[in-house]
Amino acid sequence: MSALICEVVYRGIFQKNLASRITRGIVLSARKSGRWGIAFGRYGDSPQRNGIPAKDFAIVADTKEELEQNMARYEPKHVDVTICVDDTLAKGVESWAWYGLQPINRLTLPNGTLLMTSLQPFEDLLRDIHKKDEPYTLAVIRARASFSGLWVYKEDHTEVRILGALAKIAPEFLTLDGVCQAIGEMEWGSELKVASVRKAYERLEARQIQPGEGNAEVPYAFELPRWWEMREGVTIPAIPIGKPKEGGKGYVPERNPYFKKFTTRTMRPVVDFDTCVKCNLCWIACPDSCFDVMPDGTFDANMEACCGCGVCEAVCPVESCITMVNEAVFEDNASQWDMWRKDKTAYKTWLTDKITNKKATVRSHGFRFRGQYEEEIKTDLDAGGAEITAGIPGENAKHKTI
């Protein structure tokens, strides 16, 4: 192997700073090991918009000539390491360019590595990660799905943990000492971050994934016409303007009838309409206009348009009004508001069952009291690998530390 190619999949804008730190750190760490590198972003089919998956790339090579050869491509078609900073992206990317669902491991080479930050067991991750026809390694850094970059950068050491893990995965390109030296010299580096690099290196867990193991769903795809099959005068009809809801109250935006965002979703928002204060923040902040304005002034999330980014939960000022819940506990995309309006008592029972299921809400991005984020991160940074996974049944028996 004469070059190491990495992709970082992240949620656009909100994790932009995190992704750029990771790729920059890869390049600078490689230079400390005497190699060449470059970092760049690509938004051609994954625009860098609020919450929408986007990608950054880093290429490391033994020589300047090998680096230039790899740079000749618009973007890498295959990568040695796929880095997923948020395990709510485990199913993959559904881009605006209508290519359909691109599994998170789609570009990962045979015997390559998919590196994720997650507290989930390997078995739970594989329920979302699509199967491949070739073996690869699933490596996990035991940490919360990082929402770093939400308006103000959250300092949770995710970037340096990933660099420490990469030193374990590809030591021929990134040495542990080289990574530590680079982190120590960066403007956002510190002795504490160097310690986190070494902890991640020591505690990295991995499992060999066999061909055919994982999510067996066939990824949703569009049948794209070849250039010789296209008719003369092809037109694309515009999406009509939205319309008021029943009785002239409320507002429902028109949405593309073909392009559905829910296929990549691993978490969905559950709304407590009884506690909604109608502040409009979920409606304003949603990257894909998922929320319909209802006649009573509350907001119903359209589950065919929702990609599950969790922004609505993060901006909601009311405790437990919006809670992100694991997609696996739902059976359809039915309207929550219609359910609530029909029988409020039954809806409250349904909602309570969903949001009190700790296994279903473990990846929630919401913060329900001031200082919660800082407390959780301190626990994650101080805890050992076995302690972090202690609450996950059977986990310690089914992984290995590499």
Protein backbone atom coordinates (compact mmCIF):
# COMPACT_ATOMS: atom_id res chain seq x y z
CA MET A 1 0.00 0.00 0.00
CA SER A 2 1.61 3.27 -1.15
CA ALA A 3 -1.24 5.63 -0.20
CA LEU A 4 -3.83 5.90 2.55
CA ILE A 5 -7.18 7.40 1.54
CA CYS A 6 -9.71 8.36 4.23
CA GLU A 7 -13.19 9.81 3.98
CA VAL A 8 -14.95 11.55 6.86
CA VAL A 9 -18.74 11.43 6.72
CA TYR A 10 -20.40 14.08 8.86
CA ARG A 11 -23.52 16.22 9.14
CA GLY A 12 -23.04 19.36 7.09
CA ILE A 13 -22.45 22.70 8.86
CA PHE A 14 -23.02 21.27 12.35
CA GLN A 15 -19.96 19.00 12.23
CA LYS A 16 -17.97 21.00 9.67
CA ASN A 17 -15.34 22.10 12.18
CA LEU A 18 -15.00 18.57 13.50
CA ALA A 19 -14.45 17.05 10.03
CA SER A 20 -11.92 19.69 9.01
CA ARG A 21 -9.95 19.15 12.23
CA ILE A 22 -9.83 15.42 11.61
CA THR A 23 -8.58 15.65 8.02
CA ARG A 24 -6.13 18.43 8.87
CA GLY A 25 -4.86 16.36 11.78
CA ILE A 26 -4.35 13.35 9.50
CA VAL A 27 -2.20 15.36 7.10
CA LEU A 28 -0.10 17.07 9.78
CA SER A 29 0.40 13.76 11.63
CA ALA A 30 1.53 12.13 8.37
CA ARG A 31 4.09 14.90 7.86
CA LYS A 32 5.55 14.10 11.29
CA SER A 33 6.01 10.55 10.02
CA GLY A 34 7.84 11.79 6.90
CA ARG A 35 4.95 11.40 4.43
CA TRP A 36 2.95 13.68 2.19
CA GLY A 37 -0.73 14.47 2.54
CA ILE A 38 -3.65 16.66 1.53
CA ALA A 39 -7.14 17.32 2.94
CA PHE A 40 -10.16 18.58 1.02
CA GLY A 41 -13.96 18.62 1.06
CA ARG A 42 -16.42 17.47 -1.56
CA TYR A 43 -20.02 18.61 -1.72
CA GLY A 44 -20.93 17.67 -5.29
CA ASP A 45 -23.63 15.19 -4.28
CA SER A 46 -23.68 15.84 -0.53
CA PRO A 47 -24.14 19.59 -0.10
CA GLN A 48 -22.80 21.12 3.08
CA ARG A 49 -26.19 22.17 4.44
CA ASN A 50 -27.70 21.99 7.91
CA GLY A 51 -27.71 18.40 9.08
CA ILE A 52 -27.31 16.87 5.62
CA PRO A 53 -24.46 14.34 5.31
CA ALA A 54 -21.30 15.73 3.70
CA LYS A 55 -17.76 14.44 3.24
CA ASP A 56 -14.17 15.51 3.73
CA PHE A 57 -11.23 13.49 2.42
CA ALA A 58 -7.60 13.06 3.44
CA ILE A 59 -4.92 11.39 1.30
CA VAL A 60 -1.52 10.36 2.66
CA ALA A 61 1.25 9.01 0.41
CA ASP A 62 4.88 7.95 0.73
CA THR A 63 6.03 10.38 -1.97
CA LYS A 64 4.88 13.67 -3.47
CA GLU A 65 4.45 11.98 -6.86
CA GLU A 66 2.13 9.31 -5.43
CA LEU A 67 0.10 12.03 -3.72
CA GLU A 68 -0.28 13.98 -6.97
CA GLN A 69 -1.36 10.82 -8.77
CA ASN A 70 -4.18 10.28 -6.25
CA MET A 71 -5.15 13.96 -6.39
CA ALA A 72 -5.79 13.69 -10.12
CA ARG A 73 -9.27 12.29 -9.42
CA TYR A 74 -12.24 14.55 -8.69
CA GLU A 75 -12.91 12.47 -5.61
CA PRO A 76 -11.77 9.05 -4.40
CA LYS A 77 -13.83 6.17 -5.73
CA HIS A 78 -12.51 3.83 -3.05
CA VAL A 79 -11.13 4.51 0.43
CA ASP A 80 -9.02 2.55 2.88
CA VAL A 81 -10.78 4.02 5.91
CA THR A 82 -14.31 5.42 6.21
CA ILE A 83 -14.69 7.58 9.30
CA CYS A 84 -18.24 8.08 10.54
CA VAL A 85 -18.28 10.67 13.33
CA ASP A 86 -21.96 10.17 14.13
CA ASP A 87 -23.52 6.70 14.40
CA THR A 88 -26.90 8.10 13.37
CA LEU A 89 -25.33 8.04 9.88
CA ALA A 90 -24.80 4.28 10.06
CA LYS A 91 -27.15 3.55 7.16
CA GLY A 92 -25.31 5.92 4.86
CA VAL A 93 -25.85 9.00 2.74
CA GLU A 94 -28.84 9.95 0.63
CA SER A 95 -27.64 12.85 -1.47
CA TRP A 96 -29.66 15.57 -3.13
CA ALA A 97 -28.47 14.44 -6.57
CA TRP A 98 -30.89 11.47 -6.53
CA TYR A 99 -28.35 8.69 -6.60
CA GLY A 100 -30.39 6.90 -3.99
CA LEU A 101 -29.08 5.52 -0.72
CA GLN A 102 -25.30 5.17 -0.57
CA PRO A 103 -24.38 2.78 2.29
CA ILE A 104 -21.84 4.12 4.76
CA ASN A 105 -19.34 1.41 3.72
CA ARG A 106 -19.96 1.78 -0.02
CA LEU A 107 -16.47 3.18 -0.79
CA THR A 108 -14.63 1.08 1.81
CA LEU A 109 -12.18 -1.25 0.10
CA PRO A 110 -12.14 -5.00 0.79
CA ASN A 111 -10.28 -5.54 4.10
CA GLY A 112 -10.55 -1.79 4.70
CA THR A 113 -11.88 -0.23 7.89
CA LEU A 114 -15.09 1.54 8.88
CA LEU A 115 -14.32 3.63 11.98
CA MET A 116 -17.23 4.94 14.05
CA THR A 117 -17.79 6.75 17.34
CA SER A 118 -20.58 4.95 19.18
CA LEU A 119 -21.74 3.43 22.45
CA GLN A 120 -23.79 0.79 20.63
CA PRO A 121 -22.87 -2.91 20.50
CA PHE A 122 -21.46 -4.17 17.20
CA GLU A 123 -24.64 -6.18 16.61
CA ASP A 124 -26.82 -3.08 16.88
CA LEU A 125 -24.60 -1.13 14.50
CA LEU A 126 -24.76 -3.95 11.97
CA ARG A 127 -28.56 -3.75 11.93
CA ASP A 128 -28.08 -0.39 10.20
CA ILE A 129 -24.79 -0.83 8.32
CA HIS A 130 -25.47 -2.52 4.97
CA LYS A 131 -23.80 -5.79 4.11
CA LYS A 132 -20.91 -6.00 1.65
CA ASP A 133 -19.72 -8.81 -0.57
CA GLU A 134 -16.18 -8.47 0.79
CA PRO A 135 -14.83 -8.59 4.34
CA TYR A 136 -13.90 -5.40 6.18
CA THR A 137 -13.16 -4.29 9.73
CA LEU A 138 -15.62 -2.37 11.88
CA ALA A 139 -13.66 -0.36 14.44
CA VAL A 140 -15.40 1.54 17.24
CA ILE A 141 -14.30 4.34 19.52
CA ARG A 142 -16.51 4.15 22.59
CA ALA A 143 -17.88 7.69 22.71
CA ARG A 144 -21.15 9.51 22.17
CA ALA A 145 -22.25 10.32 18.65
CA SER A 146 -20.56 13.69 18.31
CA PHE A 147 -22.63 16.77 17.57
CA SER A 148 -19.54 19.00 17.65
CA GLY A 149 -20.01 22.15 15.62
CA LEU A 150 -23.61 22.90 16.65
CA TRP A 151 -23.28 26.71 16.38
CA VAL A 152 -20.47 26.70 18.96
CA TYR A 153 -17.79 24.01 18.75
CA LYS A 154 -18.19 21.40 21.49
CA GLU A 155 -14.79 20.35 22.81
CA ASP A 156 -15.24 16.61 23.32
CA HIS A 157 -11.89 15.34 21.95
CA THR A 158 -13.59 13.41 19.13
CA GLU A 159 -11.07 14.59 16.55
CA VAL A 160 -7.99 13.49 18.49
CA ARG A 161 -9.59 10.19 19.52
CA ILE A 162 -10.08 9.42 15.84
CA LEU A 163 -6.46 10.33 15.08
CA GLY A 164 -5.31 8.00 17.85
CA ALA A 165 -7.48 5.22 16.42
CA LEU A 166 -6.03 5.79 12.93
CA ALA A 167 -2.52 5.36 14.31
CA LYS A 168 -3.64 1.88 15.44
CA ILE A 169 -5.41 1.10 12.15
CA ALA A 170 -2.71 2.33 9.75
CA PRO A 171 0.60 2.55 11.66
CA GLU A 172 2.57 2.43 8.42
CA PHE A 173 1.23 5.92 7.60
CA LEU A 174 0.42 7.51 10.98
CA THR A 175 2.61 6.63 13.95
CA LEU A 176 1.33 7.19 17.47
CA ASP A 177 4.31 9.42 18.30
CA GLY A 178 3.77 11.40 15.11
CA VAL A 179 0.11 12.00 15.94
CA CYS A 180 0.93 13.05 19.50
CA GLN A 181 3.63 15.43 18.26
CA ALA A 182 1.29 16.98 15.69
CA ILE A 183 -1.53 17.41 18.23
CA GLY A 184 0.87 19.02 20.69
CA GLU A 185 1.89 21.62 18.11
CA MET A 186 -1.62 22.50 16.84
CA GLU A 187 -3.38 25.62 18.07
CA TRP A 188 -6.23 23.45 19.40
CA GLY A 189 -3.93 20.90 20.95
CA SER A 190 -3.14 20.35 24.62
CA GLU A 191 -1.53 17.80 26.93
CA LEU A 192 -5.02 16.52 27.78
CA LYS A 193 -5.72 15.91 24.08
CA VAL A 194 -2.43 14.08 23.67
CA ALA A 195 -3.53 11.85 26.55
CA SER A 196 -6.84 11.25 24.77
CA VAL A 197 -4.93 10.20 21.64
CA ARG A 198 -3.10 7.53 23.59
CA LYS A 199 -6.27 6.36 25.34
CA ALA A 200 -8.08 5.96 22.01
CA TYR A 201 -5.09 4.05 20.60
CA GLU A 202 -5.16 1.64 23.56
CA ARG A 203 -8.93 1.22 23.79
CA LEU A 204 -9.93 0.93 20.15
CA GLU A 205 -12.26 -2.02 19.61
CA ALA A 206 -12.65 -3.86 16.30
CA ARG A 207 -14.46 -6.76 14.74
CA GLN A 208 -13.91 -8.48 11.42
CA ILE A 209 -17.13 -8.28 9.39
CA GLN A 210 -17.68 -11.22 7.06
CA PRO A 211 -19.19 -10.99 3.54
CA GLY A 212 -22.97 -10.73 3.72
CA GLU A 213 -23.02 -9.74 7.39
CA GLY A 214 -25.09 -6.66 8.19
CA ASN A 215 -28.29 -4.93 7.10
CA ALA A 216 -29.79 -7.05 4.31
CA GLU A 217 -32.08 -4.33 2.97
CA VAL A 218 -31.49 -3.46 -0.67
CA PRO A 219 -30.53 0.24 -0.70
CA TYR A 220 -33.12 2.45 -2.36
CA ALA A 221 -31.94 3.54 -5.79
CA PHE A 222 -33.21 5.47 -8.79
CA GLU A 223 -33.08 4.01 -12.28
CA LEU A 224 -31.06 6.66 -14.05
CA PRO A 225 -31.35 6.88 -17.86
CA ARG A 226 -28.18 6.59 -19.96
CA TRP A 227 -27.31 9.56 -22.10
CA TRP A 228 -28.35 7.72 -25.27
CA GLU A 229 -31.72 6.89 -23.72
CA MET A 230 -32.77 10.45 -22.93
CA ARG A 231 -35.57 11.99 -24.97
CA GLU A 232 -35.31 15.32 -26.75
CA GLY A 233 -36.71 18.20 -24.79
CA VAL A 234 -36.51 16.55 -21.38
CA THR A 235 -38.08 18.76 -18.69
CA ILE A 236 -38.21 18.50 -14.94
CA PRO A 237 -41.45 19.81 -13.42
CA ALA A 238 -41.00 22.31 -10.61
CA ILE A 239 -42.29 21.60 -7.13
CA PRO A 240 -45.51 23.58 -6.52
CA ILE A 241 -45.81 26.14 -3.76
CA GLY A 242 -47.11 24.81 -0.45
CA LYS A 243 -50.70 25.19 0.64
CA PRO A 244 -52.66 25.95 3.83
CA LYS A 245 -53.91 23.03 5.86
CA GLU A 246 -57.56 22.25 6.57
CA GLY A 247 -59.83 25.24 7.08
CA GLY A 248 -57.23 27.64 5.76
CA LYS A 249 -55.10 27.35 8.91
CA GLY A 250 -51.59 26.01 9.14
CA TYR A 251 -49.22 25.40 6.26
CA VAL A 252 -47.86 22.30 4.52
CA PRO A 253 -44.94 22.81 2.09
CA GLU A 254 -44.95 20.80 -1.12
CA ARG A 255 -42.27 18.16 -1.29
CA ASN A 256 -40.70 16.17 -4.09
CA PRO A 257 -42.89 13.06 -4.54
CA TYR A 258 -39.89 10.90 -5.53
CA PHE A 259 -37.02 12.01 -3.31
CA LYS A 260 -37.59 10.59 0.20
CA LYS A 261 -35.05 11.27 2.94
CA PHE A 262 -36.20 8.68 5.46
CA THR A 263 -34.29 5.73 3.99
CA THR A 264 -31.07 6.75 5.80
CA ARG A 265 -32.77 7.61 9.07
CA THR A 266 -31.74 5.70 12.22
CA MET A 267 -33.39 8.07 14.72
CA ARG A 268 -36.66 10.02 14.45
CA PRO A 269 -38.20 12.87 16.47
CA VAL A 270 -41.17 12.13 18.73
CA VAL A 271 -43.17 15.25 19.63
CA ASP A 272 -45.12 15.99 22.82
CA PHE A 273 -47.74 18.37 21.42
CA ASP A 274 -49.15 19.05 24.91
CA THR A 275 -45.92 20.78 25.99
CA CYS A 276 -45.16 22.55 22.68
CA VAL A 277 -44.89 26.33 23.22
CA LYS A 278 -45.10 27.07 19.47
CA CYS A 279 -41.73 28.83 19.45
CA ASN A 280 -41.16 27.89 15.76
CA LEU A 281 -37.51 26.88 16.35
CA CYS A 282 -37.90 23.30 15.06
CA TRP A 283 -39.66 24.62 11.94
CA ILE A 284 -36.98 27.26 11.35
CA ALA A 285 -33.93 25.05 12.06
CA CYS A 286 -35.01 21.89 10.19
CA PRO A 287 -32.63 21.51 7.22
CA ASP A 288 -35.28 19.95 4.96
CA SER A 289 -38.49 21.75 5.96
CA CYS A 290 -39.83 18.58 7.53
CA PHE A 291 -42.25 20.29 9.87
CA ASP A 292 -45.83 21.08 8.83
CA VAL A 293 -47.56 23.97 10.58
CA MET A 294 -50.77 22.56 12.02
CA PRO A 295 -54.06 24.48 12.47
CA ASP A 296 -53.46 24.82 16.22
CA GLY A 297 -49.97 26.30 15.72
CA THR A 298 -48.02 23.18 16.70
CA PHE A 299 -45.66 21.39 14.31
CA ASP A 300 -45.92 17.86 12.91
CA ALA A 301 -42.76 16.26 11.45
CA ASN A 302 -43.33 14.69 8.04
CA MET A 303 -41.63 11.33 8.44
CA GLU A 304 -41.04 10.79 4.72
CA ALA A 305 -38.98 13.99 4.52
CA CYS A 306 -37.10 13.61 7.84
CA CYS A 307 -33.48 12.38 7.67
CA GLY A 308 -33.20 12.06 11.46
CA CYS A 309 -30.42 14.60 12.02
CA GLY A 310 -31.68 15.55 15.50
CA VAL A 311 -31.41 19.31 15.01
CA CYS A 312 -35.04 19.82 16.08
CA GLU A 313 -34.41 18.13 19.42
CA ALA A 314 -31.24 20.14 19.98
CA VAL A 315 -32.94 23.52 19.40
CA CYS A 316 -36.19 22.80 21.26
CA PRO A 317 -36.21 24.83 24.51
CA VAL A 318 -38.83 22.66 26.26
CA GLU A 319 -37.73 19.63 28.27
CA SER A 320 -38.70 16.37 26.49
CA CYS A 321 -40.96 18.13 24.00
CA ILE A 322 -38.95 16.62 21.12
CA THR A 323 -37.02 13.41 21.70
CA MET A 324 -34.99 11.47 19.14
CA VAL A 325 -35.93 7.76 19.28
CA ASN A 326 -34.39 4.75 17.54
CA GLU A 327 -36.02 4.09 14.18
CA ALA A 328 -36.20 0.35 14.91
CA VAL A 329 -39.13 0.81 17.31
CA PHE A 330 -41.44 2.27 14.65
CA GLU A 331 -43.45 0.46 11.99
CA ASP A 332 -44.58 3.27 9.68
CA ASN A 333 -44.31 6.97 8.85
CA ALA A 334 -47.79 7.90 10.09
CA SER A 335 -48.54 11.43 11.31
CA GLN A 336 -47.98 11.87 15.03
CA TRP A 337 -50.22 14.94 15.11
CA ASP A 338 -53.13 13.01 13.60
CA MET A 339 -52.65 10.31 16.24
CA TRP A 340 -52.58 12.94 19.01
CA ARG A 341 -55.65 14.80 17.71
CA LYS A 342 -57.66 11.55 17.44
CA ASP A 343 -56.96 10.30 20.98
CA LYS A 344 -54.73 12.42 23.22
CA THR A 345 -54.74 9.92 26.09
CA ALA A 346 -53.67 7.03 23.86
CA TYR A 347 -51.02 9.23 22.24
CA LYS A 348 -49.58 10.19 25.62
CA THR A 349 -49.28 6.50 26.50
CA TRP A 350 -47.60 5.79 23.15
CA LEU A 351 -45.21 8.75 23.53
CA THR A 352 -44.26 7.86 27.10
CA ASP A 353 -43.47 4.29 26.06
CA LYS A 354 -41.19 5.55 23.29
CA ILE A 355 -39.23 8.25 25.12
CA THR A 356 -38.72 6.29 28.35
CA ASN A 357 -37.16 3.38 26.45
CA LYS A 358 -33.51 4.04 27.33
CA LYS A 359 -32.20 1.68 24.67
CA ALA A 360 -34.23 3.52 22.03
CA THR A 361 -33.08 6.99 23.08
CA VAL A 362 -29.44 6.29 24.01
CA ARG A 363 -28.15 8.18 20.95
CA SER A 364 -30.33 11.21 21.56
CA HIS A 365 -28.59 14.53 20.84
CA GLY A 366 -30.84 16.53 23.20
CA PHE A 367 -29.66 18.18 26.39
CA ARG A 368 -32.32 18.21 29.09
CA PHE A 369 -30.59 20.25 31.78
CA ARG A 370 -27.88 22.89 31.84
CA GLY A 371 -24.46 21.29 32.03
CA GLN A 372 -25.66 17.83 30.91
CA TYR A 373 -23.32 17.81 27.91
CA GLU A 374 -20.28 18.67 30.04
CA GLU A 375 -21.14 15.95 32.57
CA GLU A 376 -21.57 13.28 29.90
CA ILE A 377 -18.33 14.18 28.13
CA LYS A 378 -16.37 14.20 31.40
CA THR A 379 -17.70 10.71 32.13
CA ASP A 380 -16.73 9.49 28.65
CA LEU A 381 -13.22 10.96 28.82
CA ASP A 382 -12.48 9.60 32.29
CA ALA A 383 -14.02 6.14 31.91
CA GLY A 384 -12.10 3.13 30.66
CA GLY A 385 -13.21 1.04 27.69
CA ALA A 386 -14.76 -1.72 29.85
CA GLU A 387 -16.53 0.85 32.03
CA ILE A 388 -18.03 2.66 29.06
CA THR A 389 -19.49 -0.55 27.65
CA ALA A 390 -20.52 -2.00 30.98
CA GLY A 391 -24.16 -1.10 30.42
CA ILE A 392 -24.33 -2.88 27.06
CA PRO A 393 -25.35 -6.53 27.58
CA GLY A 394 -22.95 -9.08 26.14
CA GLU A 395 -20.78 -6.40 24.52
CA ASN A 396 -17.50 -7.28 26.22
CA ALA A 397 -17.76 -10.89 25.06
CA LYS A 398 -18.19 -10.01 21.40
CA HIS A 399 -15.45 -7.56 20.54
CA LYS A 400 -11.74 -7.47 20.64
CA THR A 401 -9.34 -4.64 21.30
CA ILE A 402 -6.86 -4.13 18.51
